[in-house]
């Protein structure tokens, strides 16, 4: 979905008291390889949240390398048949290590922009009840600013 359209949809969910006070910004660094993004949120023009691909990749790589050394993980052995490499025990262990790093970074609130972008897309399709009980912390946090929550809740 195009960013301007998604941003408009997200902004439409804000309650009246905070409309205009919360701003969602994004940028793409086009001169970098793969065009990493940064998404940040400001409240009264003060940054309260940031998700940068570059920061995420650097933190992921540092922790991932440390886990590989700690667990003494071996590289994927080369084989002519790529299926053998894909299904190798070494690759499965490396994937587990990477998943552990992603969970750790998520608990430390270091996320990539893709996670935030996907959370925005998911949020637009949820009812307020679903958003309030979502496992995604970002979606639950945004539900607190939602006009659908009402005054009493």
Protein backbone atom coordinates (compact mmCIF):
# COMPACT_ATOMS: atom_id res chain seq x y z
CA UNK A 1 0.00 0.00 0.00
CA UNK A 2 1.23 3.48 -0.82
CA UNK A 3 2.62 5.29 2.23
CA UNK A 4 0.55 8.48 1.82
CA UNK A 5 -2.67 6.45 1.66
CA UNK A 6 -1.69 4.34 4.67
CA UNK A 7 -0.71 7.44 6.67
CA UNK A 8 -4.07 9.03 5.89
CA UNK A 9 -5.88 5.92 7.10
CA UNK A 10 -3.85 5.79 10.32
CA UNK A 11 -4.40 9.52 10.95
CA UNK A 12 -8.15 9.04 10.51
CA UNK A 13 -8.20 6.70 13.52
CA UNK A 14 -6.75 9.28 15.95
CA UNK A 15 -9.13 10.77 18.51
CA UNK A 16 -9.83 14.50 18.27
CA UNK A 17 -7.70 15.49 21.28
CA UNK A 18 -4.47 14.25 19.73
CA UNK A 19 -5.12 14.89 16.04
CA UNK A 20 -2.34 17.16 14.83
CA UNK A 21 -0.22 16.48 17.92
CA UNK A 22 0.95 13.05 16.76
CA UNK A 23 2.81 12.91 13.47
CA UNK A 24 4.13 9.84 11.66
CA UNK A 25 7.15 10.43 9.44
CA UNK A 26 9.07 8.18 7.09
CA UNK A 27 12.04 8.45 4.81
CA UNK A 28 13.86 6.12 2.43
CA UNK A 29 17.62 6.36 2.00
CA UNK A 30 17.74 5.74 -1.73
CA UNK A 31 21.50 6.03 -2.13
CA UNK A 32 22.04 3.04 0.17
CA UNK A 33 21.89 -0.52 -1.09
CA UNK A 34 18.31 -1.88 -0.73
CA UNK A 35 16.98 1.59 0.19
CA UNK A 36 16.63 1.24 3.97
CA UNK A 37 13.82 3.17 5.63
CA UNK A 38 13.30 5.03 8.87
CA UNK A 39 9.90 5.57 10.46
CA UNK A 40 9.56 7.87 13.46
CA UNK A 41 6.67 9.20 15.48
CA UNK A 42 6.58 12.61 17.12
CA UNK A 43 4.25 13.90 19.81
CA UNK A 44 4.13 17.70 20.10
CA UNK A 45 7.14 17.75 17.74
CA UNK A 46 9.25 15.61 20.11
CA UNK A 47 10.37 12.20 18.82
CA UNK A 48 8.88 9.41 20.92
CA UNK A 49 9.57 6.39 18.69
CA UNK A 50 11.95 5.47 15.91
CA UNK A 51 12.38 2.37 13.76
CA UNK A 52 15.41 2.39 11.49
CA UNK A 53 16.50 -0.45 9.24
CA UNK A 54 20.16 0.50 9.59
CA UNK A 55 20.05 0.53 13.40
CA UNK A 56 18.18 -2.77 13.39
CA UNK A 57 20.60 -4.47 10.98
CA UNK A 58 23.65 -3.37 12.97
CA UNK A 59 22.19 -4.53 16.29
CA UNK A 60 20.99 -7.80 14.73
CA UNK A 61 24.39 -8.58 13.25
CA UNK A 62 26.28 -7.89 16.50
CA UNK A 63 24.03 -10.13 18.59
CA UNK A 64 23.82 -12.79 15.88
CA UNK A 65 27.61 -13.06 15.65
CA UNK A 66 27.85 -13.31 19.44
CA UNK A 67 25.28 -16.12 19.51
CA UNK A 68 27.07 -17.97 16.70
CA UNK A 69 30.29 -17.88 18.73
CA UNK A 70 28.55 -18.81 21.98
CA UNK A 71 26.72 -21.78 20.46
CA UNK A 72 29.69 -22.68 18.24
CA UNK A 73 27.50 -22.80 15.13
CA UNK A 74 29.09 -23.99 11.92
CA UNK A 75 28.55 -22.46 8.48
CA UNK A 76 26.34 -24.21 5.94
CA UNK A 77 28.42 -26.79 4.06
CA UNK A 78 28.52 -26.36 0.30
CA UNK A 79 26.73 -28.92 -1.83
CA UNK A 80 26.00 -28.98 -5.54
CA UNK A 81 22.32 -29.57 -4.80
CA UNK A 82 20.92 -26.43 -3.14
CA UNK A 83 18.16 -28.47 -1.45
CA UNK A 84 20.79 -30.24 0.60
CA UNK A 85 22.17 -26.93 1.76
CA UNK A 86 18.68 -25.58 2.47
CA UNK A 87 17.69 -28.60 4.55
CA UNK A 88 21.02 -28.94 6.35
CA UNK A 89 21.22 -29.15 10.14
CA UNK A 90 23.65 -26.22 10.19
CA UNK A 91 21.22 -23.93 8.35
CA UNK A 92 18.38 -24.84 10.70
CA UNK A 93 20.54 -23.94 13.70
CA UNK A 94 21.51 -20.61 12.12
CA UNK A 95 17.85 -19.82 11.42
CA UNK A 96 16.97 -20.59 15.06
CA UNK A 97 19.74 -18.26 16.20
CA UNK A 98 18.48 -15.48 13.93
CA UNK A 99 14.92 -15.93 15.23
CA UNK A 100 16.21 -15.68 18.80
CA UNK A 101 17.98 -12.43 17.92
CA UNK A 102 14.78 -11.02 16.38
CA UNK A 103 12.81 -11.84 19.55
CA UNK A 104 15.48 -10.27 21.74
CA UNK A 105 15.54 -7.08 19.67
CA UNK A 106 11.75 -6.93 19.77
CA UNK A 107 11.80 -7.03 23.57
CA UNK A 108 14.40 -4.24 23.53
CA UNK A 109 12.14 -2.15 21.23
CA UNK A 110 14.62 -2.24 18.37
CA UNK A 111 12.54 -2.95 15.28
CA UNK A 112 12.97 -2.51 11.57
CA UNK A 113 10.69 -0.28 9.55
CA UNK A 114 9.05 -3.26 7.86
CA UNK A 115 7.68 -4.45 11.21
CA UNK A 116 6.15 -1.02 11.89
CA UNK A 117 4.80 -0.69 8.34
CA UNK A 118 3.17 -4.13 8.52
CA UNK A 119 1.74 -3.25 11.95
CA UNK A 120 0.12 -0.15 10.42
CA UNK A 121 -1.40 -2.24 7.63
CA UNK A 122 -2.68 -4.85 10.08
CA UNK A 123 -4.06 -2.16 12.40
CA UNK A 124 -6.23 -0.69 9.65
CA UNK A 125 -8.02 -4.00 9.18
CA UNK A 126 -8.68 -4.76 12.87
CA UNK A 127 -11.66 -3.88 15.00
CA UNK A 128 -10.83 -1.90 18.14
CA UNK A 129 -11.47 -4.99 20.30
CA UNK A 130 -9.01 -7.02 18.23
CA UNK A 131 -6.44 -4.21 18.35
CA UNK A 132 -6.64 -3.96 22.15
CA UNK A 133 -5.91 -7.68 22.63
CA UNK A 134 -3.37 -8.03 19.81
CA UNK A 135 -0.08 -9.76 20.60
CA UNK A 136 1.69 -6.99 18.68
CA UNK A 137 2.69 -4.32 21.23
CA UNK A 138 2.77 -1.66 18.55
CA UNK A 139 -0.84 -2.32 17.56
CA UNK A 140 -1.99 -2.29 21.20
CA UNK A 141 -0.21 1.01 21.80
CA UNK A 142 -1.82 2.63 18.78
CA UNK A 143 -5.24 1.39 19.92
CA UNK A 144 -4.96 3.72 22.93
CA UNK A 145 -5.03 6.73 20.58
CA UNK A 146 -7.97 5.43 18.57
CA UNK A 147 -11.21 7.41 18.40
CA UNK A 148 -13.16 4.13 18.32
CA UNK A 149 -12.16 3.38 21.91
CA UNK A 150 -14.52 6.06 23.22
CA UNK A 151 -14.34 8.36 26.23
CA UNK A 152 -15.38 5.90 28.91
CA UNK A 153 -13.09 3.07 27.93
